[in-house]
Amino acid sequence: MPVTFSWLPAALARPRPSTALTRPESLTSIAPPPEAAAWFEALITPAWQIGLTIALGVVAVALLRRLVARTVRNIVRGGPAVRRRADRLVSRRPRQEARELDPSPLGAARRVQRAQTMGSVLGSLSTFVVGLLVIVIVLGILQVDVGPLLASAGVVGVALGFGAQTLVKDFLAGISMLAEDQYGVGDVVDVGEVSGSVEQVGLRVTQIRSLDGTLWYVRNGEILRLGNMTQGWSRAVVEVRVLSDADVPRVRELLLGAAAEVAAHPDLAAAILDDPEVAGIEDLTAEGAMLRLLVKTAPSKQWDVARELRARIRDQLAREGIELALPRREVLIERDVSRPGDDS
């Protein structure tokens, strides 16, 4: 009941209307019904979850690719250095420790190709794994039963594995060869029936150029044994056969002298990594005695050093008047000789 004051004027004593805020009827009609709110929430919540899953997947792929690139770069750059340090600790040879060969263009191309191939394979593998996980999570958010899909994918994978097992074998062998650095561009290799210089290394096929210019395509899965003639270091081998009555100690001195001249050659001095060795008589036959000269060289330099050694050895032996033993073959011919007056 409103309060009145008799001593006030009638105009002022009248009760004032209430100033309390009231909600207009038009605003109450804007509120959505409960069914629409539930539908909107059911639509927005999976959308946010799917968007967040995809964003996390993209970030994970970017981080994995960066980690793969850094790891591959460290492996490619650090592998040869670690091997050199290990070789120094094992050999303990001052001459080899003091001399380091500059990286050649072929070596740089080999490292670049190896890094690109390994980075591409590992990057693609990480992208595939993360993408598959994102797809499975999104299907789970949408309440899709992924069990049958995974079972079907497993059956298809098994079928493809049996049908393309040779292709898979080649790819796995190529990845192993690159990871273990068995050979690279510029190496001279022997893979059995084919030998020559490696021109390109792929995950499935290796291209080898033989001495006569033929380019061979060898599948990586078919390489059962591999001989790398130019990895780490090489060795020049020169065999000299002299007569059996020759002065073998003098011949040995001449061989070491020829090797010393080659070591002083301005173009070949950097290619010789160790002192030459002549063990002694390696073979003794009726034709003569064979001595073997061994010189440790830089990779791919053994043929140049061996050619120069043969030229210097020939000059040294000719100057000393020492003859080389030639292969000799004796042929015995039997004939029936009839005497005069004998009746046949």
Protein backbone atom coordinates (compact mmCIF):
# COMPACT_ATOMS: atom_id res chain seq x y z
CA MET A 1 0.00 0.00 0.00
CA PRO A 2 1.52 3.33 -0.95
CA VAL A 3 2.50 5.70 1.83
CA THR A 4 0.95 9.26 1.85
CA PHE A 5 1.98 12.35 3.71
CA SER A 6 -0.86 14.69 4.70
CA TRP A 7 1.32 17.71 5.15
CA LEU A 8 2.58 17.62 1.53
CA PRO A 9 0.74 19.03 -1.46
CA ALA A 10 -1.56 16.66 -3.24
CA ALA A 11 0.58 16.66 -6.39
CA LEU A 12 3.66 15.66 -4.48
CA ALA A 13 1.88 13.28 -2.15
CA ARG A 14 0.68 11.01 -4.92
CA PRO A 15 2.61 7.72 -5.10
CA ARG A 16 5.19 7.43 -7.86
CA PRO A 17 5.27 4.46 -10.22
CA SER A 18 7.89 1.77 -9.56
CA THR A 19 11.21 2.20 -11.44
CA ALA A 20 12.15 -1.51 -11.38
CA LEU A 21 13.38 -2.86 -14.75
CA THR A 22 11.01 -5.21 -16.46
CA ARG A 23 11.90 -7.55 -19.33
CA PRO A 24 10.11 -6.69 -22.52
CA GLU A 25 7.93 -9.31 -24.05
CA SER A 26 9.82 -9.01 -27.38
CA LEU A 27 13.10 -10.09 -25.79
CA THR A 28 11.67 -13.18 -24.20
CA SER A 29 10.63 -14.43 -27.61
CA ILE A 30 14.31 -14.47 -28.89
CA ALA A 31 15.49 -17.35 -26.66
CA PRO A 32 15.91 -20.54 -28.75
CA PRO A 33 13.88 -23.60 -27.93
CA PRO A 34 15.63 -26.49 -26.16
CA GLU A 35 15.65 -28.67 -29.33
CA ALA A 36 17.51 -26.02 -31.37
CA ALA A 37 20.09 -25.47 -28.59
CA ALA A 38 20.82 -29.18 -28.39
CA TRP A 39 21.22 -29.40 -32.19
CA PHE A 40 23.54 -26.37 -32.26
CA GLU A 41 25.69 -27.78 -29.47
CA ALA A 42 25.88 -31.16 -31.19
CA LEU A 43 27.06 -29.42 -34.39
CA ILE A 44 29.59 -27.01 -32.87
CA THR A 45 31.30 -29.42 -30.47
CA PRO A 46 32.44 -32.01 -33.11
CA ALA A 47 33.47 -29.20 -35.46
CA TRP A 48 35.75 -27.70 -32.84
CA GLN A 49 37.18 -31.11 -31.99
CA ILE A 50 37.83 -31.94 -35.66
CA GLY A 51 39.43 -28.55 -36.26
CA LEU A 52 41.66 -28.91 -33.21
CA THR A 53 42.67 -32.43 -34.28
CA ILE A 54 43.60 -31.31 -37.78
CA ALA A 55 45.56 -28.33 -36.43
CA LEU A 56 47.50 -30.55 -34.03
CA GLY A 57 48.17 -32.98 -36.88
CA VAL A 58 49.59 -30.19 -39.08
CA VAL A 59 51.82 -28.97 -36.24
CA ALA A 60 53.01 -32.53 -35.56
CA VAL A 61 53.86 -33.08 -39.25
CA ALA A 62 55.81 -29.81 -39.39
CA LEU A 63 57.77 -30.65 -36.25
CA LEU A 64 58.49 -34.20 -37.40
CA ARG A 65 59.69 -33.03 -40.81
CA ARG A 66 61.98 -30.48 -39.21
CA LEU A 67 63.33 -33.09 -36.81
CA VAL A 68 63.86 -35.56 -39.65
CA ALA A 69 65.72 -32.99 -41.76
CA ARG A 70 67.97 -32.05 -38.86
CA THR A 71 68.65 -35.67 -37.92
CA VAL A 72 69.48 -36.69 -41.49
CA ARG A 73 71.77 -33.68 -41.89
CA ASN A 74 73.64 -34.56 -38.71
CA ILE A 75 73.95 -38.20 -39.75
CA VAL A 76 75.25 -37.36 -43.22
CA ARG A 77 77.72 -34.76 -41.97
CA GLY A 78 78.76 -36.54 -38.80
CA GLY A 79 79.13 -40.10 -40.08
CA PRO A 80 82.37 -39.64 -42.03
CA ALA A 81 83.88 -37.50 -39.26
CA VAL A 82 83.12 -40.12 -36.62
CA ARG A 83 84.65 -42.84 -38.79
CA ARG A 84 87.78 -40.75 -39.36
CA ARG A 85 88.21 -40.20 -35.63
CA ALA A 86 87.74 -43.91 -34.96
CA ASP A 87 90.28 -44.79 -37.64
CA ARG A 88 92.79 -42.40 -36.08
CA LEU A 89 92.34 -43.93 -32.64
CA VAL A 90 92.80 -47.42 -34.05
CA SER A 91 95.66 -46.80 -36.46
CA ARG A 92 97.68 -44.21 -34.48
CA ARG A 93 99.60 -43.22 -37.60
CA PRO A 94 100.92 -39.66 -37.52
CA ARG A 95 101.04 -39.27 -41.27
CA GLN A 96 97.41 -40.19 -41.70
CA GLU A 97 96.37 -37.98 -38.79
CA ALA A 98 98.13 -34.93 -40.17
CA ARG A 99 96.66 -35.17 -43.67
CA GLU A 100 93.01 -34.54 -44.43
CA LEU A 101 91.70 -34.64 -47.97
CA ASP A 102 89.45 -31.88 -49.17
CA PRO A 103 85.90 -32.93 -50.01
CA SER A 104 85.50 -33.54 -53.73
CA PRO A 105 82.47 -32.53 -55.83
CA LEU A 106 81.50 -36.19 -56.10
CA GLY A 107 81.59 -36.51 -52.33
CA ALA A 108 79.43 -33.41 -51.95
CA ALA A 109 76.95 -34.74 -54.52
CA ARG A 110 76.88 -38.06 -52.70
CA ARG A 111 76.08 -36.42 -49.36
CA VAL A 112 73.39 -34.21 -50.89
CA GLN A 113 71.71 -37.10 -52.68
CA ARG A 114 71.82 -39.27 -49.59
CA ALA A 115 70.36 -36.51 -47.41
CA GLN A 116 67.60 -35.72 -49.90
CA THR A 117 66.60 -39.35 -50.35
CA MET A 118 66.61 -40.22 -46.66
CA GLY A 119 64.83 -36.98 -45.76
CA SER A 120 62.17 -37.57 -48.40
CA VAL A 121 61.52 -41.13 -47.28
CA LEU A 122 61.36 -40.34 -43.56
CA GLY A 123 59.32 -37.18 -44.15
CA SER A 124 56.77 -39.02 -46.28
CA LEU A 125 56.58 -41.81 -43.71
CA SER A 126 55.96 -39.38 -40.84
CA THR A 127 53.29 -37.53 -42.86
CA PHE A 128 51.53 -40.81 -43.67
CA VAL A 129 51.51 -41.97 -40.05
CA VAL A 130 50.25 -38.66 -38.66
CA GLY A 131 47.64 -38.34 -41.41
CA LEU A 132 46.36 -41.85 -40.69
CA LEU A 133 46.09 -41.08 -36.98
CA VAL A 134 44.20 -37.85 -37.69
CA ILE A 135 41.74 -39.66 -39.97
CA VAL A 136 41.08 -42.33 -37.34
CA ILE A 137 40.52 -39.70 -34.62
CA VAL A 138 38.16 -37.66 -36.82
CA LEU A 139 36.13 -40.75 -37.65
CA GLY A 140 35.92 -41.52 -33.94
CA ILE A 141 34.66 -37.99 -33.25
CA LEU A 142 31.96 -38.44 -35.90
CA GLN A 143 31.02 -41.73 -34.20
CA VAL A 144 31.96 -43.83 -37.23
CA ASP A 145 32.92 -47.42 -36.53
CA VAL A 146 36.50 -47.70 -37.80
CA GLY A 147 36.89 -51.38 -36.97
CA PRO A 148 35.66 -52.72 -40.32
CA LEU A 149 37.65 -50.06 -42.17
CA LEU A 150 40.86 -51.04 -40.40
CA ALA A 151 40.19 -54.72 -41.04
CA SER A 152 39.60 -54.05 -44.75
CA ALA A 153 42.75 -51.94 -44.95
CA GLY A 154 44.72 -54.76 -43.34
CA VAL A 155 43.43 -57.28 -45.87
CA VAL A 156 44.26 -54.95 -48.76
CA GLY A 157 47.73 -54.33 -47.34
CA VAL A 158 48.43 -58.05 -47.06
CA ALA A 159 47.26 -58.60 -50.65
CA LEU A 160 49.45 -55.78 -51.95
CA GLY A 161 52.37 -57.10 -49.91
CA PHE A 162 52.14 -60.51 -51.53
CA GLY A 163 51.59 -59.10 -55.01
CA ALA A 164 54.35 -56.49 -54.87
CA GLN A 165 56.81 -58.18 -52.56
CA THR A 166 59.66 -57.74 -55.07
CA LEU A 167 58.99 -53.99 -55.22
CA VAL A 168 58.82 -53.76 -51.44
CA LYS A 169 62.05 -55.75 -51.19
CA ASP A 170 63.81 -53.34 -53.57
CA PHE A 171 62.64 -50.29 -51.61
CA LEU A 172 63.64 -51.74 -48.25
CA ALA A 173 67.06 -52.71 -49.60
CA GLY A 174 67.54 -49.21 -51.03
CA ILE A 175 66.65 -47.59 -47.71
CA SER A 176 69.08 -49.87 -45.87
CA MET A 177 71.90 -49.13 -48.33
CA LEU A 178 71.39 -45.39 -47.99
CA ALA A 179 71.13 -45.51 -44.20
CA GLU A 180 74.30 -47.62 -43.91
CA ASP A 181 76.14 -45.58 -46.56
CA GLN A 182 77.29 -48.69 -48.40
CA TYR A 183 77.98 -46.76 -51.62
CA GLY A 184 77.17 -43.46 -53.28
CA VAL A 185 77.56 -41.40 -56.41
CA GLY A 186 81.11 -41.67 -57.79
CA ASP A 187 82.04 -44.91 -56.02
CA VAL A 188 83.49 -47.79 -58.02
CA VAL A 189 81.64 -50.93 -57.00
CA ASP A 190 81.47 -54.59 -57.89
CA VAL A 191 78.03 -56.19 -57.50
CA GLY A 192 78.83 -59.55 -59.06
CA GLU A 193 78.15 -59.59 -62.78
CA VAL A 194 78.39 -55.79 -63.05
CA SER A 195 81.19 -53.48 -61.96
CA GLY A 196 81.78 -49.83 -62.61
CA SER A 197 81.13 -46.31 -61.35
CA VAL A 198 77.88 -45.47 -59.57
CA GLU A 199 76.04 -42.66 -61.36
CA GLN A 200 72.76 -42.59 -59.45
CA VAL A 201 71.36 -44.23 -56.34
CA GLY A 202 67.61 -44.62 -55.99
CA LEU A 203 65.34 -46.41 -53.58
CA ARG A 204 64.54 -49.11 -56.13
CA VAL A 205 67.30 -49.06 -58.78
CA THR A 206 71.01 -48.22 -58.80
CA GLN A 207 72.63 -47.02 -62.04
CA ILE A 208 76.19 -48.27 -62.65
CA ARG A 209 78.37 -47.22 -65.60
CA SER A 210 80.80 -49.95 -66.63
CA LEU A 211 84.24 -49.40 -68.13
CA ASP A 212 83.01 -49.85 -71.70
CA GLY A 213 80.34 -47.16 -71.23
CA THR A 214 77.33 -49.43 -70.67
CA LEU A 215 74.83 -48.06 -68.15
CA TRP A 216 73.46 -50.88 -66.02
CA TYR A 217 70.24 -50.65 -64.01
CA VAL A 218 70.53 -52.94 -60.99
CA ARG A 219 67.59 -53.51 -58.65
CA ASN A 220 68.59 -53.01 -55.03
CA GLY A 221 66.82 -56.14 -53.88
CA GLU A 222 68.96 -58.28 -56.21
CA ILE A 223 72.30 -57.07 -54.81
CA LEU A 224 73.42 -59.96 -52.61
CA ARG A 225 77.05 -58.90 -52.25
CA LEU A 226 78.75 -55.58 -52.86
CA GLY A 227 82.39 -54.57 -53.10
CA ASN A 228 83.17 -50.86 -52.79
CA MET A 229 86.64 -50.08 -54.12
CA THR A 230 86.64 -46.38 -53.23
CA GLN A 231 85.14 -46.05 -49.76
CA GLY A 232 87.29 -44.63 -46.99
CA TRP A 233 90.64 -45.40 -48.59
CA SER A 234 92.06 -47.53 -51.39
CA ARG A 235 95.26 -49.42 -52.12
CA ALA A 236 97.49 -49.51 -55.19
CA VAL A 237 98.89 -52.99 -55.83
CA VAL A 238 101.79 -53.53 -58.25
CA GLU A 239 103.24 -56.99 -58.79
CA VAL A 240 106.70 -57.42 -60.29
CA ARG A 241 108.10 -60.78 -61.36
CA VAL A 242 111.87 -61.08 -61.83
CA LEU A 243 114.13 -64.01 -62.66
CA SER A 244 114.81 -66.55 -59.94
CA ASP A 245 118.53 -65.73 -59.81
CA ALA A 246 117.93 -61.96 -59.54
CA ASP A 247 119.06 -59.94 -56.52
CA VAL A 248 115.76 -59.86 -54.63
CA PRO A 249 116.88 -57.41 -51.87
CA ARG A 250 118.11 -55.01 -54.55
CA VAL A 251 114.80 -55.31 -56.41
CA ARG A 252 112.97 -54.55 -53.19
CA GLU A 253 115.04 -51.40 -52.71
CA LEU A 254 114.26 -50.32 -56.25
CA LEU A 255 110.53 -50.80 -55.69
CA LEU A 256 110.60 -48.69 -52.54
CA GLY A 257 112.66 -46.06 -54.36
CA ALA A 258 110.13 -45.87 -57.16
CA ALA A 259 107.35 -45.46 -54.57
CA ALA A 260 109.31 -42.64 -52.91
CA GLU A 261 109.57 -40.85 -56.26
CA VAL A 262 105.82 -41.14 -56.78
CA ALA A 263 105.22 -39.83 -53.24
CA ALA A 264 107.26 -36.74 -54.16
CA HIS A 265 105.24 -36.15 -57.33
CA PRO A 266 103.36 -32.83 -57.02
CA ASP A 267 100.13 -34.25 -58.46
CA LEU A 268 100.12 -37.52 -56.53
CA ALA A 269 101.72 -36.61 -53.22
CA ALA A 270 98.39 -35.77 -51.58
CA ALA A 271 96.89 -39.08 -52.73
CA ILE A 272 99.36 -41.29 -50.80
CA LEU A 273 98.25 -41.82 -47.21
CA ASP A 274 100.92 -44.15 -45.85
CA ASP A 275 104.40 -45.49 -46.42
CA PRO A 276 104.77 -48.12 -49.17
CA GLU A 277 105.26 -51.77 -48.23
CA VAL A 278 107.06 -54.66 -49.92
CA ALA A 279 106.51 -57.78 -47.86
CA GLY A 280 108.92 -59.98 -49.77
CA ILE A 281 108.60 -62.83 -52.24
CA GLU A 282 104.89 -63.54 -52.70
CA ASP A 283 105.27 -66.27 -55.30
CA LEU A 284 108.16 -68.44 -56.47
CA THR A 285 107.99 -70.58 -59.58
CA ALA A 286 110.32 -71.90 -62.26
CA GLU A 287 109.65 -68.76 -64.24
CA GLY A 288 110.77 -66.35 -61.50
CA ALA A 289 110.03 -64.68 -58.17
CA MET A 290 107.13 -62.27 -57.70
CA LEU A 291 107.28 -59.24 -55.38
CA ARG A 292 104.22 -57.16 -54.47
CA LEU A 293 104.28 -53.42 -53.75
CA LEU A 294 101.39 -52.02 -51.65
CA VAL A 295 100.62 -48.31 -51.32
CA LYS A 296 97.68 -46.93 -49.36
CA THR A 297 95.96 -44.14 -51.29
CA ALA A 298 92.98 -41.83 -51.17
CA PRO A 299 89.70 -43.15 -52.58
CA SER A 300 89.65 -43.50 -56.40
CA LYS A 301 93.36 -42.64 -56.64
CA GLN A 302 94.79 -46.15 -56.59
CA TRP A 303 94.72 -46.50 -60.38
CA ASP A 304 96.58 -43.24 -60.99
CA VAL A 305 99.20 -44.14 -58.40
CA ALA A 306 99.58 -47.69 -59.78
CA ARG A 307 100.15 -46.42 -63.33
CA GLU A 308 102.83 -44.02 -62.18
CA LEU A 309 104.45 -46.73 -60.04
CA ARG A 310 104.70 -49.11 -63.00
CA ALA A 311 106.38 -46.45 -65.12
CA ARG A 312 108.93 -45.61 -62.39
CA ILE A 313 109.61 -49.29 -61.62
CA ARG A 314 110.23 -50.03 -65.29
CA ASP A 315 112.76 -47.20 -65.49
CA GLN A 316 114.48 -48.30 -62.27
CA LEU A 317 114.84 -51.92 -63.36
CA ALA A 318 116.04 -50.98 -66.85
CA ARG A 319 118.65 -48.66 -65.35
CA GLU A 320 119.95 -51.43 -63.10
CA GLY A 321 119.91 -54.04 -65.86
CA ILE A 322 117.42 -56.30 -64.10
CA GLU A 323 115.26 -58.29 -66.47
CA LEU A 324 111.65 -59.16 -65.86
CA ALA A 325 110.64 -62.79 -65.92
CA LEU A 326 108.55 -63.71 -68.91
CA PRO A 327 106.00 -66.50 -68.96
CA ARG A 328 107.60 -69.57 -70.43
CA ARG A 329 106.08 -72.71 -71.81
CA GLU A 330 107.95 -75.87 -72.78
CA VAL A 331 106.53 -78.08 -75.50
CA LEU A 332 107.80 -81.62 -75.95
CA ILE A 333 107.28 -83.16 -79.40
CA GLU A 334 107.85 -86.87 -79.96
CA ARG A 335 108.54 -88.18 -83.45
CA ASP A 336 109.12 -91.65 -84.83
CA VAL A 337 112.38 -91.53 -86.80
CA SER A 338 112.87 -94.44 -89.23
CA ARG A 339 116.43 -95.59 -89.85
CA PRO A 340 117.76 -96.24 -93.37
CA GLY A 341 117.42 -99.85 -94.38
CA ASP A 342 114.67 -100.63 -91.87
CA ASP A 343 111.69 -102.30 -93.52
CA SER A 344 108.41 -100.88 -92.38
